[in-house]
Amino acid sequence: MEKDRRREEERYEAVHLLHYICLDSGGRQVGQGMARTLNISEAGVKVETHEPIETRYILFLAIGIKEDIFDIKGKVIYCNRGENSRFESGIEFYEVDFDLYAKLRRFINEFKKNEGKDQ
C-alpha cells in the first residue's frame, strides 16, 4: 500500500490498463492513448504513459478492473517524467455519478481486504 501524504484518500498500488481521450477547453478531442495505472484511490489515479499528457486537458478514462470497465472523467493535475523515460500523471476524478462512485468504492474496499494476498 502506498499512502500519498498530500492526499486525504489512501492510494493503493494497482496495475490496470486504461484508454484515455484528451479534450481541450472547447471540448474537442485533441489526442488519445493507452496507459497503465500505478495507483488508485476514490479521488483519482496515477498513470504511466509513453507520451506526456498536458495539464490543460480534461480526460475521459476507460479503466478495466476485473470484469468491470470504469468510464470516468478526470482532470490532469501534474505530468512528470518518471522511470524508464516514461511519464507519470496524476489525474483527479470529477463529475463521477453515484453508481460509478459506489462501484469504485467497492473495488477499493475489496482491494483493502485482500491486500497482501495473491489476487
Protein backbone atom coordinates (compact mmCIF):
# COMPACT_ATOMS: atom_id res chain seq x y z
CA MET A 1 0.00 0.00 0.00
CA GLU A 2 1.17 3.48 -0.76
CA LYS A 3 -0.27 6.45 1.04
CA ASP A 4 0.40 9.79 -0.55
CA ARG A 5 0.86 12.20 2.35
CA ARG A 6 -0.53 15.12 0.31
CA ARG A 7 -3.89 13.43 -0.20
CA GLU A 8 -6.73 12.62 2.16
CA GLU A 9 -7.52 9.36 0.34
CA GLU A 10 -5.25 6.35 0.60
CA ARG A 11 -3.83 5.30 -2.73
CA TYR A 12 -3.29 1.63 -3.48
CA GLU A 13 -0.79 0.23 -5.91
CA ALA A 14 -2.84 -1.27 -8.70
CA VAL A 15 -1.76 -2.03 -12.25
CA HIS A 16 -4.56 -1.95 -14.81
CA LEU A 17 -4.72 -0.87 -18.43
CA LEU A 18 -6.74 2.11 -19.48
CA HIS A 19 -7.64 4.09 -22.56
CA TYR A 20 -7.84 7.87 -22.40
CA ILE A 21 -9.16 10.64 -24.63
CA CYS A 22 -7.83 14.19 -24.20
CA LEU A 23 -10.22 17.12 -24.65
CA ASP A 24 -9.27 20.76 -24.92
CA SER A 25 -11.13 23.59 -23.19
CA GLY A 26 -13.60 23.72 -26.10
CA GLY A 27 -14.47 20.02 -25.69
CA ARG A 28 -12.64 18.97 -28.88
CA GLN A 29 -10.70 15.72 -28.94
CA VAL A 30 -7.00 16.51 -29.28
CA GLY A 31 -5.47 13.15 -28.53
CA GLN A 32 -5.87 9.68 -27.13
CA GLY A 33 -3.72 6.85 -25.93
CA MET A 34 -3.18 3.88 -23.68
CA ALA A 35 -1.76 3.96 -20.17
CA ARG A 36 -1.38 1.78 -17.15
CA THR A 37 -2.39 2.68 -13.64
CA LEU A 38 0.26 2.89 -10.95
CA ASN A 39 -2.08 3.55 -8.05
CA ILE A 40 -5.71 4.39 -7.50
CA SER A 41 -7.95 5.94 -4.87
CA GLU A 42 -11.56 7.05 -4.64
CA ALA A 43 -10.41 10.54 -5.67
CA GLY A 44 -8.03 9.83 -8.54
CA VAL A 45 -5.47 7.72 -10.29
CA LYS A 46 -1.77 7.92 -11.13
CA VAL A 47 -0.96 6.66 -14.62
CA GLU A 48 2.13 5.90 -16.67
CA THR A 49 2.32 6.76 -20.39
CA HIS A 50 4.92 6.88 -23.15
CA GLU A 51 3.92 10.45 -24.07
CA PRO A 52 3.26 13.38 -21.72
CA ILE A 53 -0.34 14.42 -21.03
CA GLU A 54 -0.70 18.18 -20.76
CA THR A 55 -2.27 19.54 -17.59
CA ARG A 56 -4.66 21.75 -19.56
CA TYR A 57 -6.58 18.70 -20.77
CA ILE A 58 -9.67 17.01 -19.46
CA LEU A 59 -9.60 13.24 -19.86
CA PHE A 60 -12.22 10.61 -20.42
CA LEU A 61 -10.80 7.39 -18.97
CA ALA A 62 -11.91 3.82 -19.55
CA ILE A 63 -10.23 1.68 -16.87
CA GLY A 64 -10.56 -2.10 -16.99
CA ILE A 65 -10.65 -3.56 -13.48
CA LYS A 66 -11.53 -7.23 -13.23
CA GLU A 67 -14.74 -7.72 -15.22
CA ASP A 68 -15.78 -4.05 -14.98
CA ILE A 69 -14.91 -1.05 -17.12
CA PHE A 70 -15.00 2.27 -15.31
CA ASP A 71 -15.70 5.28 -17.56
CA ILE A 72 -14.53 8.26 -15.55
CA LYS A 73 -13.90 11.91 -16.31
CA GLY A 74 -10.71 13.39 -14.88
CA LYS A 75 -8.52 16.45 -14.77
CA VAL A 76 -4.74 16.18 -15.22
CA ILE A 77 -3.14 17.67 -12.10
CA TYR A 78 0.51 17.05 -13.00
CA CYS A 79 2.70 15.22 -15.50
CA ASN A 80 6.35 14.41 -14.78
CA ARG A 81 9.00 12.26 -16.40
CA GLY A 82 9.26 9.05 -14.40
CA GLU A 83 11.45 5.98 -14.60
CA ASN A 84 12.45 4.48 -17.95
CA SER A 85 11.75 7.80 -19.72
CA ARG A 86 8.02 7.29 -19.29
CA PHE A 87 5.65 9.92 -17.94
CA GLU A 88 3.65 9.77 -14.72
CA SER A 89 0.46 11.80 -14.46
CA GLY A 90 -1.85 12.44 -11.54
CA ILE A 91 -5.50 12.57 -12.54
CA GLU A 92 -8.26 13.78 -10.25
CA PHE A 93 -11.71 12.29 -10.87
CA TYR A 94 -14.65 14.64 -11.13
CA GLU A 95 -18.31 14.61 -12.12
CA VAL A 96 -18.47 10.98 -11.00
CA ASP A 97 -22.06 9.78 -10.71
CA PHE A 98 -23.25 7.99 -7.58
CA ASP A 99 -23.42 4.48 -9.13
CA LEU A 100 -19.93 4.69 -10.58
CA TYR A 101 -18.52 6.06 -7.33
CA ALA A 102 -20.16 3.18 -5.43
CA LYS A 103 -18.60 0.60 -7.81
CA LEU A 104 -15.19 2.23 -7.46
CA ARG A 105 -15.52 2.29 -3.67
CA ARG A 106 -16.48 -1.43 -3.62
CA PHE A 107 -13.42 -2.28 -5.73
CA ILE A 108 -11.11 -0.32 -3.42
CA ASN A 109 -12.65 -1.85 -0.28
CA GLU A 110 -12.21 -5.33 -1.75
CA PHE A 111 -8.62 -4.44 -2.59
CA LYS A 112 -8.03 -3.31 1.02
CA LYS A 113 -9.39 -6.62 2.38
CA ASN A 114 -7.22 -8.68 0.03
CA GLU A 115 -4.08 -6.59 0.38
CA GLY A 116 -1.02 -8.78 0.69
CA LYS A 117 -2.85 -11.85 -0.66
CA ASP A 118 -2.43 -13.26 -4.16
CA GLN A 119 -5.16 -11.76 -6.34
